[in-house]
Amino acid sequence: MSFFKILQIPAVYLLWQKAFRKQKLQPFLEATSSAPFDRILDIGCGPGVNFLSLPSSCTYIGVDISAEYIKHASLRYSSGQFLVGDATQLPLNIGKFDCILINSLCHHLDDQACCAVVSEAIQHLSSDGHIHILEPILPNSFSVAGLLAVMDRGRFIRKEDEWRRLLEPLLTTEHYSTNFLKVLRIKCYHMFYFRGRPR
């Protein structure tokens, strides 16, 4: 069984993410600490990777295309609502959200599908809400981060300017920053955090 196949097992994926989860979410958590949200939609939630890092006071709905991931999350986190669904065709009855999180989903999607996911998210955003996106960047030069990006199971990790060209026609940029996810001080992934609203 390949490493990518093994990552489809929820417990293995959660273990792999354990080294990076807090670092990856940190820019999002810092940005929302001064502007709390009431309802969050976690698109591409996997087996509930983000759930424990979010405020317990908010209403949480996570959507993922993997039934196995959703089953695992539903059993483990009973206070959240987890739904199997296509991120480009979200259930109409889930309502509107003042916070929509897309964490490490779009690098699995080509440009057309990525834009479709963001466009669908916009349809479920409240009038005062924000869309928050966290994704890995393909470095311009050879590095550990570049090697891991090439080896990632997501086939569409883009360069920084490519990400911005993809997102900025759909969303205004209220915040944009980059950071490195590190293990033992080694820069393993180059990430960006984007916060915006519909144009």
C-alpha atoms as a PDB file:
ATOM      1  CA  MET A   1       0.000   0.000   0.000  1.00  0.00           C
ATOM      2  CA  SER A   2       1.420   3.422  -0.971  1.00  0.00           C
ATOM      3  CA  PHE A   3       1.866   6.248   1.531  1.00  0.00           C
ATOM      4  CA  PHE A   4      -0.910   8.230  -0.188  1.00  0.00           C
ATOM      5  CA  LYS A   5      -3.291   5.271   0.184  1.00  0.00           C
ATOM      6  CA  ILE A   6      -2.368   4.968   3.855  1.00  0.00           C
ATOM      7  CA  LEU A   7      -3.276   8.643   4.371  1.00  0.00           C
ATOM      8  CA  GLN A   8      -6.838   7.776   3.386  1.00  0.00           C
ATOM      9  CA  ILE A   9      -7.117   5.953   6.723  1.00  0.00           C
ATOM     10  CA  PRO A  10      -8.478   8.638   9.107  1.00  0.00           C
ATOM     11  CA  ALA A  11      -6.305   7.735  12.118  1.00  0.00           C
ATOM     12  CA  VAL A  12      -3.136   7.765   9.976  1.00  0.00           C
ATOM     13  CA  TYR A  13      -4.037  11.085   8.376  1.00  0.00           C
ATOM     14  CA  LEU A  14      -4.677  12.665  11.797  1.00  0.00           C
ATOM     15  CA  LEU A  15      -1.318  11.396  13.026  1.00  0.00           C
ATOM     16  CA  TRP A  16       0.435  12.859   9.958  1.00  0.00           C
ATOM     17  CA  GLN A  17      -1.290  16.204  10.474  1.00  0.00           C
ATOM     18  CA  LYS A  18      -0.510  16.321  14.187  1.00  0.00           C
ATOM     19  CA  ALA A  19       2.947  17.782  13.548  1.00  0.00           C
ATOM     20  CA  PHE A  20       1.536  20.656  11.482  1.00  0.00           C
ATOM     21  CA  ARG A  21      -2.065  21.299  12.588  1.00  0.00           C
ATOM     22  CA  LYS A  22      -1.471  24.049  15.143  1.00  0.00           C
ATOM     23  CA  GLN A  23       1.158  25.818  13.034  1.00  0.00           C
ATOM     24  CA  LYS A  24      -1.024  25.676   9.948  1.00  0.00           C
ATOM     25  CA  LEU A  25      -4.090  27.127  11.660  1.00  0.00           C
ATOM     26  CA  GLN A  26      -2.209  29.755  13.675  1.00  0.00           C
ATOM     27  CA  PRO A  27      -2.638  32.660  11.181  1.00  0.00           C
ATOM     28  CA  PHE A  28      -6.367  31.916  10.933  1.00  0.00           C
ATOM     29  CA  LEU A  29      -6.795  31.676  14.717  1.00  0.00           C
ATOM     30  CA  GLU A  30      -4.903  34.929  15.264  1.00  0.00           C
ATOM     31  CA  ALA A  31      -7.002  36.730  12.647  1.00  0.00           C
ATOM     32  CA  THR A  32     -10.305  35.554  14.120  1.00  0.00           C
ATOM     33  CA  SER A  33      -9.392  35.991  17.803  1.00  0.00           C
ATOM     34  CA  SER A  34     -10.360  39.678  17.677  1.00  0.00           C
ATOM     35  CA  ALA A  35     -13.415  39.057  15.474  1.00  0.00           C
ATOM     36  CA  PRO A  36     -15.241  35.973  16.805  1.00  0.00           C
ATOM     37  CA  PHE A  37     -17.632  34.116  14.515  1.00  0.00           C
ATOM     38  CA  ASP A  38     -20.911  32.336  15.241  1.00  0.00           C
ATOM     39  CA  ARG A  39     -21.175  29.776  12.438  1.00  0.00           C
ATOM     40  CA  ILE A  40     -18.276  28.120  10.633  1.00  0.00           C
ATOM     41  CA  LEU A  41     -18.328  25.974   7.515  1.00  0.00           C
ATOM     42  CA  ASP A  42     -15.203  23.841   7.176  1.00  0.00           C
ATOM     43  CA  ILE A  43     -14.950  22.813   3.513  1.00  0.00           C
ATOM     44  CA  GLY A  44     -12.767  19.760   2.972  1.00  0.00           C
ATOM     45  CA  CYS A  45     -12.771  19.035   6.707  1.00  0.00           C
ATOM     46  CA  GLY A  46     -11.225  15.567   6.387  1.00  0.00           C
ATOM     47  CA  PRO A  47     -11.542  13.475   9.566  1.00  0.00           C
ATOM     48  CA  GLY A  48     -12.058  16.583  11.700  1.00  0.00           C
ATOM     49  CA  VAL A  49      -8.509  17.933  11.653  1.00  0.00           C
ATOM     50  CA  ASN A  50      -9.511  21.521  12.468  1.00  0.00           C
ATOM     51  CA  PHE A  51     -12.376  20.877  14.873  1.00  0.00           C
ATOM     52  CA  LEU A  52     -10.549  20.852  18.209  1.00  0.00           C
ATOM     53  CA  SER A  53      -8.726  24.094  17.432  1.00  0.00           C
ATOM     54  CA  LEU A  54     -11.951  26.050  16.897  1.00  0.00           C
ATOM     55  CA  PRO A  55     -14.015  27.844  19.576  1.00  0.00           C
ATOM     56  CA  SER A  56     -16.477  25.475  21.239  1.00  0.00           C
ATOM     57  CA  SER A  57     -19.067  28.264  21.302  1.00  0.00           C
ATOM     58  CA  CYS A  58     -19.505  28.352  17.529  1.00  0.00           C
ATOM     59  CA  THR A  59     -21.820  26.224  15.409  1.00  0.00           C
ATOM     60  CA  TYR A  60     -19.646  23.944  13.298  1.00  0.00           C
ATOM     61  CA  ILE A  61     -20.458  22.138  10.046  1.00  0.00           C
ATOM     62  CA  GLY A  62     -17.749  20.203   8.220  1.00  0.00           C
ATOM     63  CA  VAL A  63     -18.099  18.858   4.678  1.00  0.00           C
ATOM     64  CA  ASP A  64     -15.842  16.332   2.957  1.00  0.00           C
ATOM     65  CA  ILE A  65     -16.190  14.054  -0.037  1.00  0.00           C
ATOM     66  CA  SER A  66     -14.732  11.078   1.860  1.00  0.00           C
ATOM     67  CA  ALA A  67     -17.419   9.053   3.629  1.00  0.00           C
ATOM     68  CA  GLU A  68     -14.732   7.311   5.694  1.00  0.00           C
ATOM     69  CA  TYR A  69     -13.320  10.619   6.943  1.00  0.00           C
ATOM     70  CA  ILE A  70     -16.800  11.895   7.802  1.00  0.00           C
ATOM     71  CA  LYS A  71     -17.732   8.702   9.649  1.00  0.00           C
ATOM     72  CA  HIS A  72     -14.569   8.999  11.746  1.00  0.00           C
ATOM     73  CA  ALA A  73     -15.172  12.683  12.527  1.00  0.00           C
ATOM     74  CA  SER A  74     -18.840  12.136  13.426  1.00  0.00           C
ATOM     75  CA  LEU A  75     -17.970   9.390  15.897  1.00  0.00           C
ATOM     76  CA  ARG A  76     -15.107  11.330  17.453  1.00  0.00           C
ATOM     77  CA  TYR A  77     -16.603  14.838  17.663  1.00  0.00           C
ATOM     78  CA  SER A  78     -20.280  14.584  18.561  1.00  0.00           C
ATOM     79  CA  SER A  79     -20.746  18.337  19.096  1.00  0.00           C
ATOM     80  CA  GLY A  80     -19.999  19.109  15.444  1.00  0.00           C
ATOM     81  CA  GLN A  81     -22.024  18.282  12.360  1.00  0.00           C
ATOM     82  CA  PHE A  82     -20.173  16.419   9.618  1.00  0.00           C
ATOM     83  CA  LEU A  83     -21.605  15.863   6.149  1.00  0.00           C
ATOM     84  CA  VAL A  84     -20.482  13.880   3.123  1.00  0.00           C
ATOM     85  CA  GLY A  85     -20.646  16.230   0.164  1.00  0.00           C
ATOM     86  CA  ASP A  86     -19.086  17.698  -2.954  1.00  0.00           C
ATOM     87  CA  ALA A  87     -17.478  21.068  -2.220  1.00  0.00           C
ATOM     88  CA  THR A  88     -18.695  22.388  -5.582  1.00  0.00           C
ATOM     89  CA  GLN A  89     -22.332  21.482  -4.763  1.00  0.00           C
ATOM     90  CA  LEU A  90     -22.927  22.084  -1.072  1.00  0.00           C
ATOM     91  CA  PRO A  91     -26.300  21.206   0.481  1.00  0.00           C
ATOM     92  CA  LEU A  92     -28.682  24.151   0.206  1.00  0.00           C
ATOM     93  CA  ASN A  93     -30.156  23.579   3.663  1.00  0.00           C
ATOM     94  CA  ILE A  94     -26.941  24.249   5.583  1.00  0.00           C
ATOM     95  CA  GLY A  95     -27.635  27.994   5.482  1.00  0.00           C
ATOM     96  CA  LYS A  96     -25.231  30.927   5.704  1.00  0.00           C
ATOM     97  CA  PHE A  97     -21.980  31.262   7.636  1.00  0.00           C
ATOM     98  CA  ASP A  98     -19.969  34.217   8.883  1.00  0.00           C
ATOM     99  CA  CYS A  99     -16.796  32.124   8.661  1.00  0.00           C
ATOM    100  CA  ILE A 100     -15.906  29.722   5.864  1.00  0.00           C
ATOM    101  CA  LEU A 101     -12.625  27.832   6.165  1.00  0.00           C
ATOM    102  CA  ILE A 102     -10.918  26.114   3.241  1.00  0.00           C
ATOM    103  CA  ASN A 103      -7.811  24.489   4.672  1.00  0.00           C
ATOM    104  CA  SER A 104      -5.516  22.545   2.337  1.00  0.00           C
ATOM    105  CA  LEU A 105      -8.225  21.493  -0.117  1.00  0.00           C
ATOM    106  CA  CYS A 106      -7.558  23.546  -3.241  1.00  0.00           C
ATOM    107  CA  HIS A 107      -4.124  22.089  -3.942  1.00  0.00           C
ATOM    108  CA  HIS A 108      -5.961  18.856  -4.733  1.00  0.00           C
ATOM    109  CA  LEU A 109      -8.033  20.629  -7.413  1.00  0.00           C
ATOM    110  CA  ASP A 110      -7.344  22.010 -10.861  1.00  0.00           C
ATOM    111  CA  ASP A 111      -8.054  25.686 -11.547  1.00  0.00           C
ATOM    112  CA  GLN A 112     -11.626  25.152 -12.712  1.00  0.00           C
ATOM    113  CA  ALA A 113     -12.576  23.019  -9.705  1.00  0.00           C
ATOM    114  CA  CYS A 114     -10.801  25.378  -7.301  1.00  0.00           C
ATOM    115  CA  CYS A 115     -12.757  28.359  -8.618  1.00  0.00           C
ATOM    116  CA  ALA A 116     -15.957  26.321  -8.430  1.00  0.00           C
ATOM    117  CA  VAL A 117     -15.323  25.573  -4.740  1.00  0.00           C
ATOM    118  CA  VAL A 118     -14.692  29.240  -3.914  1.00  0.00           C
ATOM    119  CA  SER A 119     -17.740  30.318  -5.932  1.00  0.00           C
ATOM    120  CA  GLU A 120     -19.893  27.783  -4.085  1.00  0.00           C
ATOM    121  CA  ALA A 121     -18.512  28.984  -0.750  1.00  0.00           C
ATOM    122  CA  ILE A 122     -19.507  32.535  -1.640  1.00  0.00           C
ATOM    123  CA  GLN A 123     -23.131  31.382  -2.011  1.00  0.00           C
ATOM    124  CA  HIS A 124     -23.119  30.274   1.631  1.00  0.00           C
ATOM    125  CA  LEU A 125     -21.373  33.328   3.062  1.00  0.00           C
ATOM    126  CA  SER A 126     -23.347  35.736   5.238  1.00  0.00           C
ATOM    127  CA  SER A 127     -23.344  39.450   4.442  1.00  0.00           C
ATOM    128  CA  ASP A 128     -20.740  40.124   7.144  1.00  0.00           C
ATOM    129  CA  GLY A 129     -18.740  36.932   6.670  1.00  0.00           C
ATOM    130  CA  HIS A 130     -15.243  36.120   5.446  1.00  0.00           C
ATOM    131  CA  ILE A 131     -13.665  33.275   3.518  1.00  0.00           C
ATOM    132  CA  HIS A 132     -10.371  32.004   4.938  1.00  0.00           C
ATOM    133  CA  ILE A 133      -8.021  29.934   2.784  1.00  0.00           C
ATOM    134  CA  LEU A 134      -4.842  28.111   3.822  1.00  0.00           C
ATOM    135  CA  GLU A 135      -2.783  26.331   1.162  1.00  0.00           C
ATOM    136  CA  PRO A 136       0.799  25.227   0.479  1.00  0.00           C
ATOM    137  CA  ILE A 137       2.996  27.178  -1.926  1.00  0.00           C
ATOM    138  CA  LEU A 138       5.359  25.647  -4.486  1.00  0.00           C
ATOM    139  CA  PRO A 139       8.753  27.263  -3.767  1.00  0.00           C
ATOM    140  CA  ASN A 140      10.763  28.774  -6.608  1.00  0.00           C
ATOM    141  CA  SER A 141      14.024  27.131  -5.551  1.00  0.00           C
ATOM    142  CA  PHE A 142      15.091  23.677  -4.387  1.00  0.00           C
ATOM    143  CA  SER A 143      14.458  23.076  -0.684  1.00  0.00           C
ATOM    144  CA  VAL A 144      12.918  20.573   1.718  1.00  0.00           C
ATOM    145  CA  ALA A 145       9.652  22.486   1.376  1.00  0.00           C
ATOM    146  CA  GLY A 146       9.905  22.236  -2.403  1.00  0.00           C
ATOM    147  CA  LEU A 147      10.626  18.510  -2.272  1.00  0.00           C
ATOM    148  CA  LEU A 148       7.663  17.838   0.024  1.00  0.00           C
ATOM    149  CA  ALA A 149       5.439  19.970  -2.210  1.00  0.00           C
ATOM    150  CA  VAL A 150       6.393  17.898  -5.247  1.00  0.00           C
ATOM    151  CA  MET A 151       5.830  14.665  -3.301  1.00  0.00           C
ATOM    152  CA  ASP A 152       2.469  15.774  -1.863  1.00  0.00           C
ATOM    153  CA  ARG A 153      -0.631  13.807  -2.884  1.00  0.00           C
ATOM    154  CA  GLY A 154      -2.184  17.113  -3.939  1.00  0.00           C
ATOM    155  CA  ARG A 155      -1.241  17.471  -7.606  1.00  0.00           C
ATOM    156  CA  PHE A 156      -1.967  21.209  -7.883  1.00  0.00           C
ATOM    157  CA  ILE A 157       0.330  22.976  -5.445  1.00  0.00           C
ATOM    158  CA  ARG A 158       0.900  26.323  -7.133  1.00  0.00           C
ATOM    159  CA  LYS A 159       3.463  29.075  -6.996  1.00  0.00           C
ATOM    160  CA  GLU A 160       2.540  32.114  -4.939  1.00  0.00           C
ATOM    161  CA  ASP A 161       1.683  34.347  -7.908  1.00  0.00           C
ATOM    162  CA  GLU A 162      -0.445  31.551  -9.425  1.00  0.00           C
ATOM    163  CA  TRP A 163      -2.504  31.259  -6.245  1.00  0.00           C
ATOM    164  CA  ARG A 164      -3.123  34.989  -6.183  1.00  0.00           C
ATOM    165  CA  ARG A 165      -4.119  35.122  -9.851  1.00  0.00           C
ATOM    166  CA  LEU A 166      -6.606  32.338  -9.156  1.00  0.00           C
ATOM    167  CA  LEU A 167      -8.220  33.836  -6.040  1.00  0.00           C
ATOM    168  CA  GLU A 168      -8.165  37.579  -6.556  1.00  0.00           C
ATOM    169  CA  PRO A 169     -10.745  37.703  -9.405  1.00  0.00           C
ATOM    170  CA  LEU A 170     -13.229  36.074  -6.997  1.00  0.00           C
ATOM    171  CA  LEU A 171     -12.324  37.599  -3.638  1.00  0.00           C
ATOM    172  CA  THR A 172     -11.031  40.910  -2.339  1.00  0.00           C
ATOM    173  CA  THR A 173      -7.822  40.534  -0.356  1.00  0.00           C
ATOM    174  CA  GLU A 174      -8.333  41.715   3.216  1.00  0.00           C
ATOM    175  CA  HIS A 175      -5.299  39.842   4.492  1.00  0.00           C
ATOM    176  CA  TYR A 176      -2.517  37.838   2.877  1.00  0.00           C
ATOM    177  CA  SER A 177       0.539  36.373   4.615  1.00  0.00           C
ATOM    178  CA  THR A 178       2.944  33.443   4.293  1.00  0.00           C
ATOM    179  CA  ASN A 179       4.706  31.259   6.813  1.00  0.00           C
ATOM    180  CA  PHE A 180       6.667  28.019   7.073  1.00  0.00           C
ATOM    181  CA  LEU A 181       5.537  24.887   8.873  1.00  0.00           C
ATOM    182  CA  LYS A 182       8.548  23.514  10.697  1.00  0.00           C
ATOM    183  CA  VAL A 183       9.548  20.229  12.294  1.00  0.00           C
ATOM    184  CA  LEU A 184      12.773  20.285  14.333  1.00  0.00           C
ATOM    185  CA  ARG A 185      13.397  23.758  12.875  1.00  0.00           C
ATOM    186  CA  ILE A 186      13.335  22.351   9.340  1.00  0.00           C
ATOM    187  CA  LYS A 187      11.081  24.302   6.964  1.00  0.00           C
ATOM    188  CA  CYS A 188       8.795  21.570   5.700  1.00  0.00           C
ATOM    189  CA  TYR A 189       5.938  23.444   4.011  1.00  0.00           C
ATOM    190  CA  HIS A 190       5.630  27.002   2.723  1.00  0.00           C
ATOM    191  CA  MET A 191       2.038  28.116   3.349  1.00  0.00           C
ATOM    192  CA  PHE A 192      -0.161  31.132   2.698  1.00  0.00           C
ATOM    193  CA  TYR A 193      -3.144  32.438   4.616  1.00  0.00           C
ATOM    194  CA  PHE A 194      -5.722  34.461   2.688  1.00  0.00           C
ATOM    195  CA  ARG A 195      -8.795  36.222   4.091  1.00  0.00           C
ATOM    196  CA  GLY A 196     -11.266  37.890   1.792  1.00  0.00           C
ATOM    197  CA  ARG A 197     -14.811  38.701   0.794  1.00  0.00           C
ATOM    198  CA  PRO A 198     -16.677  38.348  -2.510  1.00  0.00           C
ATOM    199  CA  ARG A 199     -16.018  40.924  -5.186  1.00  0.00           C
END
